[in-house]
C-alpha atoms as a PDB file:
ATOM      1  CA  MET A   1     -17.970  27.488 -28.818  1.00  0.00           C
ATOM      2  CA  SER A   2     -17.085  23.858 -29.327  1.00  0.00           C
ATOM      3  CA  VAL A   3     -16.505  21.327 -26.601  1.00  0.00           C
ATOM      4  CA  CYS A   4     -13.629  18.833 -26.584  1.00  0.00           C
ATOM      5  CA  SER A   5     -16.079  15.969 -26.999  1.00  0.00           C
ATOM      6  CA  ASP A   6     -17.256  17.563 -30.273  1.00  0.00           C
ATOM      7  CA  LEU A   7     -13.757  17.204 -31.737  1.00  0.00           C
ATOM      8  CA  ASN A   8     -12.677  14.137 -33.647  1.00  0.00           C
ATOM      9  CA  SER A   9      -9.830  11.957 -32.390  1.00  0.00           C
ATOM     10  CA  GLU A  10      -7.154  13.731 -34.424  1.00  0.00           C
ATOM     11  CA  GLN A  11      -8.313  17.175 -33.245  1.00  0.00           C
ATOM     12  CA  GLN A  12      -8.399  16.014 -29.607  1.00  0.00           C
ATOM     13  CA  THR A  13      -4.849  14.687 -29.866  1.00  0.00           C
ATOM     14  CA  LYS A  14      -3.677  17.968 -31.406  1.00  0.00           C
ATOM     15  CA  LEU A  15      -5.373  19.940 -28.615  1.00  0.00           C
ATOM     16  CA  LEU A  16      -3.816  17.787 -25.887  1.00  0.00           C
ATOM     17  CA  LYS A  17      -0.354  18.178 -27.418  1.00  0.00           C
ATOM     18  CA  GLU A  18      -0.806  21.951 -27.336  1.00  0.00           C
ATOM     19  CA  ILE A  19      -1.969  21.875 -23.697  1.00  0.00           C
ATOM     20  CA  GLU A  20       1.126  19.821 -22.768  1.00  0.00           C
ATOM     21  CA  LYS A  21       3.346  22.708 -23.898  1.00  0.00           C
ATOM     22  CA  GLY A  22       1.763  25.116 -21.427  1.00  0.00           C
ATOM     23  CA  GLN A  23       3.279  26.325 -18.178  1.00  0.00           C
ATOM     24  CA  PHE A  24       0.225  25.283 -16.133  1.00  0.00           C
ATOM     25  CA  PHE A  25       0.394  21.700 -17.411  1.00  0.00           C
ATOM     26  CA  GLU A  26       4.091  21.458 -16.520  1.00  0.00           C
ATOM     27  CA  LEU A  27       3.399  22.741 -13.003  1.00  0.00           C
ATOM     28  CA  ALA A  28       0.454  20.367 -12.508  1.00  0.00           C
ATOM     29  CA  ARG A  29       2.524  17.429 -13.800  1.00  0.00           C
ATOM     30  CA  THR A  30       5.461  18.257 -11.523  1.00  0.00           C
ATOM     31  CA  MET A  31       3.265  18.633  -8.446  1.00  0.00           C
ATOM     32  CA  THR A  32       1.496  15.347  -9.227  1.00  0.00           C
ATOM     33  CA  ILE A  33       4.802  13.478  -9.460  1.00  0.00           C
ATOM     34  CA  LEU A  34       6.111  15.079  -6.261  1.00  0.00           C
ATOM     35  CA  GLY A  35       2.925  14.182  -4.401  1.00  0.00           C
ATOM     36  CA  MET A  36       2.949  10.610  -5.684  1.00  0.00           C
ATOM     37  CA  PHE A  37       6.448   9.855  -4.408  1.00  0.00           C
ATOM     38  CA  SER A  38       6.830  12.174  -1.405  1.00  0.00           C
ATOM     39  CA  ASN A  39       7.042  11.202   2.248  1.00  0.00           C
ATOM     40  CA  PRO A  40       3.436  10.524   3.358  1.00  0.00           C
ATOM     41  CA  GLU A  41       3.936  12.593   6.501  1.00  0.00           C
ATOM     42  CA  TYR A  42       3.877  15.676   4.242  1.00  0.00           C
ATOM     43  CA  GLY A  43       0.424  14.885   2.849  1.00  0.00           C
ATOM     44  CA  GLY A  44       1.086  12.969  -0.374  1.00  0.00           C
ATOM     45  CA  ASN A  45       1.757   9.350  -1.283  1.00  0.00           C
ATOM     46  CA  TYR A  46      -1.318   8.018   0.574  1.00  0.00           C
ATOM     47  CA  ASN A  47      -0.623   4.609   2.150  1.00  0.00           C
ATOM     48  CA  GLN A  48       2.844   4.767   0.555  1.00  0.00           C
ATOM     49  CA  ILE A  49       1.351   3.664  -2.767  1.00  0.00           C
ATOM     50  CA  GLY A  50       3.998   5.525  -4.782  1.00  0.00           C
ATOM     51  CA  TRP A  51       6.787   3.830  -2.864  1.00  0.00           C
ATOM     52  CA  LYS A  52       5.164   0.423  -3.264  1.00  0.00           C
ATOM     53  CA  LEU A  53       4.950   1.042  -6.991  1.00  0.00           C
ATOM     54  CA  LEU A  54       8.725   1.573  -7.078  1.00  0.00           C
ATOM     55  CA  GLY A  55       9.560  -1.206  -4.615  1.00  0.00           C
ATOM     56  CA  PHE A  56      10.968   1.318  -2.122  1.00  0.00           C
ATOM     57  CA  GLU A  57      11.143   0.097   1.475  1.00  0.00           C
ATOM     58  CA  ASP A  58      10.386   2.639   4.205  1.00  0.00           C
ATOM     59  CA  GLN A  59      13.389   2.044   6.477  1.00  0.00           C
ATOM     60  CA  PHE A  60      14.494   5.646   7.107  1.00  0.00           C
ATOM     61  CA  PHE A  61      17.873   4.569   8.321  1.00  0.00           C
ATOM     62  CA  TYR A  62      20.883   3.770   6.281  1.00  0.00           C
ATOM     63  CA  LYS A  63      22.948   0.641   6.381  1.00  0.00           C
ATOM     64  CA  SER A  64      25.829  -0.407   4.224  1.00  0.00           C
ATOM     65  CA  PRO A  65      26.647  -1.250   1.584  1.00  0.00           C
ATOM     66  CA  PHE A  66      25.640   2.101   0.167  1.00  0.00           C
ATOM     67  CA  GLY A  67      26.879   1.461  -3.343  1.00  0.00           C
ATOM     68  CA  PHE A  68      29.530  -0.036  -5.527  1.00  0.00           C
ATOM     69  CA  TYR A  69      32.318   1.677  -3.581  1.00  0.00           C
ATOM     70  CA  ASP A  70      31.704  -0.260  -0.344  1.00  0.00           C
ATOM     71  CA  VAL A  71      30.008  -3.420  -1.577  1.00  0.00           C
ATOM     72  CA  GLU A  72      32.676  -5.550   0.134  1.00  0.00           C
ATOM     73  CA  TYR A  73      32.105  -3.890   3.535  1.00  0.00           C
ATOM     74  CA  GLN A  74      31.111  -6.392   6.196  1.00  0.00           C
ATOM     75  CA  ALA A  75      28.825  -5.008   8.917  1.00  0.00           C
ATOM     76  CA  LYS A  76      29.722  -6.083  12.433  1.00  0.00           C
END
């Protein structure tokens, strides 16, 4: 039985590309992304690091303008 470290660079790359096609890898990747950018109150995104990476501000309230359709709206 060989170990990944026994493989040369080309063989390691080939192995990783095969692993990426698997159902487990897709699930692990999806859960990692969800945890990285989720609301920290649910247990992921420790210290809001994922949000900081994106430049997202934790305001949790909405204020206009919301988009192109109301960009000229003037808040009172």
